[in-house]
Protein backbone atom coordinates (compact mmCIF):
# COMPACT_ATOMS: atom_id res chain seq x y z
CA LEU A 1 17.24 13.31 -1.88
CA GLN A 2 14.23 15.20 -3.14
CA ILE A 3 14.65 17.38 -6.12
CA VAL A 4 11.48 19.30 -7.17
CA GLY A 5 11.52 22.00 -10.35
CA ALA A 6 9.17 24.82 -10.55
CA ALA A 7 8.79 27.33 -13.20
CA GLU A 8 10.45 30.72 -12.15
CA ALA A 9 7.53 32.67 -13.20
CA GLU A 10 5.33 31.10 -10.72
CA LEU A 11 7.47 31.49 -7.79
CA GLU A 12 8.16 35.37 -8.49
CA PRO A 13 4.69 36.51 -7.37
CA LEU A 14 5.34 34.34 -4.24
CA ASN A 15 8.21 36.09 -3.29
CA ASP A 16 6.98 39.57 -4.18
CA VAL A 17 4.44 39.01 -1.63
CA CYS A 18 6.78 37.80 0.74
CA LYS A 19 8.90 40.92 0.49
CA LEU A 20 5.95 43.41 0.63
CA ALA A 21 5.01 41.27 4.11
CA ARG A 22 8.79 41.42 5.17
CA ILE A 23 9.14 38.00 6.11
CA GLN A 24 11.72 35.67 4.73
CA PRO A 25 10.08 32.00 3.36
CA ARG A 26 11.86 28.98 4.35
CA ALA A 27 10.70 27.29 1.43
CA ILE A 28 7.93 27.33 -0.87
CA ASP A 29 5.66 24.19 -1.35
CA LEU A 30 4.00 23.05 -4.65
CA SER A 31 0.09 22.96 -4.68
CA ALA A 32 0.24 19.46 -5.80
CA ALA A 33 2.45 18.05 -2.96
CA ALA A 34 0.98 20.31 -0.55
CA THR A 35 -2.49 19.01 -1.02
CA LEU A 36 -1.46 15.24 -1.35
CA ARG A 37 0.42 15.61 1.98
CA ALA A 38 -2.62 17.37 3.59
CA LEU A 39 -5.02 13.91 2.58
CA VAL A 40 -2.32 11.25 3.56
CA ARG A 41 -1.74 13.23 6.94
CA CYS A 42 -5.05 11.71 8.30
CA THR A 43 -3.83 8.00 7.36
CA PRO A 44 -0.27 8.16 7.21
CA ASP A 45 0.13 4.15 7.24
CA ALA A 46 -1.86 3.98 3.92
CA THR A 47 -0.26 1.68 1.40
CA GLU A 48 -2.40 2.30 -1.55
CA ILE A 49 -1.58 4.05 -5.12
CA ALA A 50 -3.97 7.01 -5.37
CA SER A 51 -4.51 10.15 -7.44
CA ILE A 52 -5.36 13.70 -7.03
CA VAL A 53 -6.81 15.34 -9.99
CA ASP A 54 -7.09 18.78 -9.73
CA ILE A 55 -9.23 20.76 -12.58
CA GLY A 56 -8.10 24.42 -12.32
CA ALA A 57 -9.24 27.10 -14.95
CA THR A 58 -6.30 26.35 -17.40
CA LYS A 59 -4.40 23.68 -15.95
CA THR A 60 -5.35 20.51 -14.43
CA MET A 61 -2.64 19.07 -12.17
CA ILE A 62 -2.74 15.30 -11.26
CA ALA A 63 -0.50 13.69 -8.66
CA THR A 64 -0.02 10.19 -7.85
CA ARG A 65 1.00 8.99 -4.29
CA GLN A 66 2.16 5.39 -3.31
CA GLY A 67 1.24 5.13 0.43
CA PRO A 68 2.28 8.45 2.10
CA HIS A 69 5.11 9.04 -0.47
CA ILE A 70 4.62 11.28 -3.69
CA ARG A 71 4.91 9.64 -6.94
CA SER A 72 4.52 11.66 -9.51
CA VAL A 73 3.09 15.07 -10.37
CA ARG A 74 2.19 15.89 -13.78
CA THR A 75 0.49 19.22 -15.37
CA ILE A 76 -1.61 19.27 -18.77
CA GLN A 77 -3.02 22.33 -20.31
CA GLY A 78 -6.57 22.41 -20.20
CA GLY A 79 -8.96 22.86 -17.62
CA GLY A 80 -12.75 24.33 -16.87
CA GLU A 81 -12.00 27.66 -18.88
CA ASP A 82 -11.70 25.72 -22.15
CA ILE A 83 -15.08 23.93 -21.33
CA THR A 84 -16.87 27.38 -20.61
CA ARG A 85 -15.38 28.79 -23.84
CA ALA A 86 -16.57 25.98 -25.76
CA ILE A 87 -20.18 26.94 -24.94
CA VAL A 88 -19.36 30.57 -25.74
CA GLY A 89 -18.37 29.32 -29.05
CA ILE A 90 -22.09 28.07 -29.52
CA THR A 91 -23.97 30.69 -27.88
CA GLY A 92 -22.23 33.83 -28.22
CA GLU A 93 -22.79 34.60 -24.51
CA SER A 94 -20.15 36.10 -22.21
CA LEU A 95 -18.01 33.96 -20.16
CA ASP A 96 -20.17 34.54 -16.88
CA GLU A 97 -23.36 33.41 -18.85
CA ALA A 98 -21.63 30.59 -19.95
CA GLU A 99 -20.32 29.66 -16.78
CA ARG A 100 -23.49 29.83 -15.35
CA ARG A 101 -25.16 27.44 -17.63
CA LYS A 102 -22.36 24.95 -17.25
CA ALA A 103 -23.26 24.86 -13.79
CA ALA A 104 -26.66 24.11 -14.60
CA MET A 105 -25.89 21.37 -17.03
CA ARG A 106 -25.48 17.62 -16.76
CA LEU A 107 -23.27 15.62 -19.15
CA SER A 108 -25.07 13.49 -21.40
CA SER A 109 -24.31 9.77 -21.20
CA ALA A 110 -24.63 9.35 -25.15
CA PRO A 111 -21.31 9.83 -27.09
CA ALA A 112 -21.08 13.53 -28.54
CA GLN A 113 -21.63 12.74 -32.18
CA SER A 114 -25.45 11.12 -31.55
CA LEU A 115 -26.49 14.03 -29.74
CA VAL A 116 -26.36 15.98 -33.06
CA ASP A 117 -27.97 13.03 -35.08
CA ALA A 118 -31.11 12.89 -32.85
CA HIS A 119 -32.11 16.10 -33.44
CA SER A 120 -30.71 16.95 -36.78
CA GLY A 121 -34.18 16.97 -38.57
CA TYR A 122 -35.10 20.10 -36.64
CA ILE A 123 -32.59 22.19 -38.50
CA GLU A 124 -34.95 23.14 -40.91
CA GLU A 125 -37.45 24.27 -38.89
CA GLU A 126 -38.01 27.72 -38.58
CA ASP A 127 -39.81 28.11 -35.16
CA ASP A 128 -38.18 29.41 -31.84
CA ILE A 129 -38.81 26.14 -30.61
CA ALA A 130 -36.59 23.99 -32.85
CA ARG A 131 -33.86 26.68 -33.05
CA ASN A 132 -33.41 26.37 -29.22
CA LEU A 133 -33.41 22.75 -29.59
CA VAL A 134 -30.82 22.80 -32.00
CA GLN A 135 -28.72 25.42 -30.10
CA GLN A 136 -29.30 23.38 -27.16
CA THR A 137 -28.10 20.12 -28.75
CA ALA A 138 -25.00 21.98 -30.04
CA VAL A 139 -24.12 23.42 -26.67
CA GLU A 140 -24.55 19.78 -25.21
CA GLU A 141 -22.33 18.53 -28.06
CA SER A 142 -19.42 21.02 -27.53
CA LEU A 143 -19.55 20.42 -23.79
CA THR A 144 -19.08 16.86 -24.09
CA ARG A 145 -16.33 17.11 -26.68
CA ALA A 146 -14.29 19.61 -24.32
CA VAL A 147 -14.96 17.23 -21.52
CA GLU A 148 -13.83 14.05 -23.33
CA SER A 149 -10.82 15.73 -24.45
CA ILE A 150 -9.67 16.55 -20.58
CA VAL A 151 -10.87 13.37 -19.58
CA ASP A 152 -8.77 11.56 -22.22
CA GLN A 153 -5.64 13.61 -21.33
CA ILE A 154 -6.14 12.94 -17.80
CA ALA A 155 -6.63 9.19 -18.23
CA GLN A 156 -3.42 9.11 -20.37
CA THR A 157 -1.46 10.65 -17.79
CA LEU A 158 -2.49 8.30 -15.10
CA GLU A 159 -1.82 5.10 -17.57
CA SER A 160 1.55 6.62 -18.41
CA ASP A 161 2.38 6.73 -14.43
CA GLY A 162 1.46 3.56 -14.15
CA ALA A 163 3.45 2.02 -16.84
CA ASN A 164 6.51 3.83 -15.52
CA ASN A 165 5.76 2.21 -12.14
CA ASN A 166 5.83 -1.70 -12.90
CA GLY A 167 2.03 -1.36 -13.88
CA ASN A 168 1.28 -0.47 -10.63
CA PHE A 169 -1.70 1.68 -11.76
CA THR A 170 -3.54 4.30 -9.30
CA GLN A 171 -6.37 2.45 -7.40
CA GLY A 172 -8.46 5.82 -6.74
CA ILE A 173 -9.05 9.07 -7.93
CA SER A 174 -9.79 12.23 -5.70
CA LEU A 175 -11.33 14.79 -7.97
CA CYS A 176 -11.49 18.59 -6.92
CA GLY A 177 -11.27 22.06 -8.60
CA GLY A 178 -14.48 23.96 -9.41
CA THR A 179 -14.88 22.26 -12.58
CA ALA A 180 -15.01 18.62 -10.39
CA LEU A 181 -18.98 19.75 -9.76
CA LEU A 182 -19.88 19.59 -13.16
CA ARG A 183 -22.51 17.03 -13.07
CA GLY A 184 -21.61 13.71 -15.01
CA LEU A 185 -18.02 14.70 -14.91
CA LYS A 186 -17.11 12.15 -12.03
CA GLU A 187 -18.99 9.31 -13.96
CA ARG A 188 -17.37 10.16 -17.36
CA LEU A 189 -13.81 9.91 -15.55
CA ASN A 190 -14.81 6.50 -13.68
CA GLN A 191 -16.06 5.20 -16.98
CA ARG A 192 -12.61 6.27 -18.90
CA VAL A 193 -10.06 4.90 -16.11
CA GLY A 194 -11.97 2.36 -14.50
CA VAL A 195 -11.21 3.09 -10.97
CA PRO A 196 -13.29 4.65 -8.16
CA VAL A 197 -13.71 8.56 -8.63
CA GLN A 198 -14.74 10.54 -5.34
CA ILE A 199 -15.48 14.51 -5.34
CA CYS A 200 -12.78 15.74 -2.52
CA ARG A 201 -12.15 19.28 -0.85
CA PRO A 202 -8.91 19.24 0.45
């Protein structure tokens, strides 16, 4: 027996599209479940516990399977747009400009606070180079804090899943979504969770 719950607001647009296309759906699959099945299909006898973390614009979906079977699907608030808006808050750029800046950046390996401390002596300077350096440092700090918030939520969700399943924690993470391509994110998640993390495009 499988019981699946979905928000009515998410199903209404799909039903509307089906009506316009004059088709009657037999079922509407949740993206998390469909993604997991697509990845397991090529290795149906797999027995490991693995998770997919799909970082969307405003939500992050975390799905864990045990062998070929779905074990849990959770959605947390927060995604790539939060990181972009953190940059906008510092630079005042448009969302498109901040998105381009984000794509060109790499997460620092230093904790967020030490980034500010490293360049705090330049804040009193008046020249453009010093101001640009201070702004770049503030952008890096803001980016790092936004990413750390998402990574912490992902880690807590995975830890909760493992604790609720007799201590059987995920053994690997497939990271997908546009934000997965942010340089340094994969390594940051690996450090936080302690299992292999790979970028995937299911």
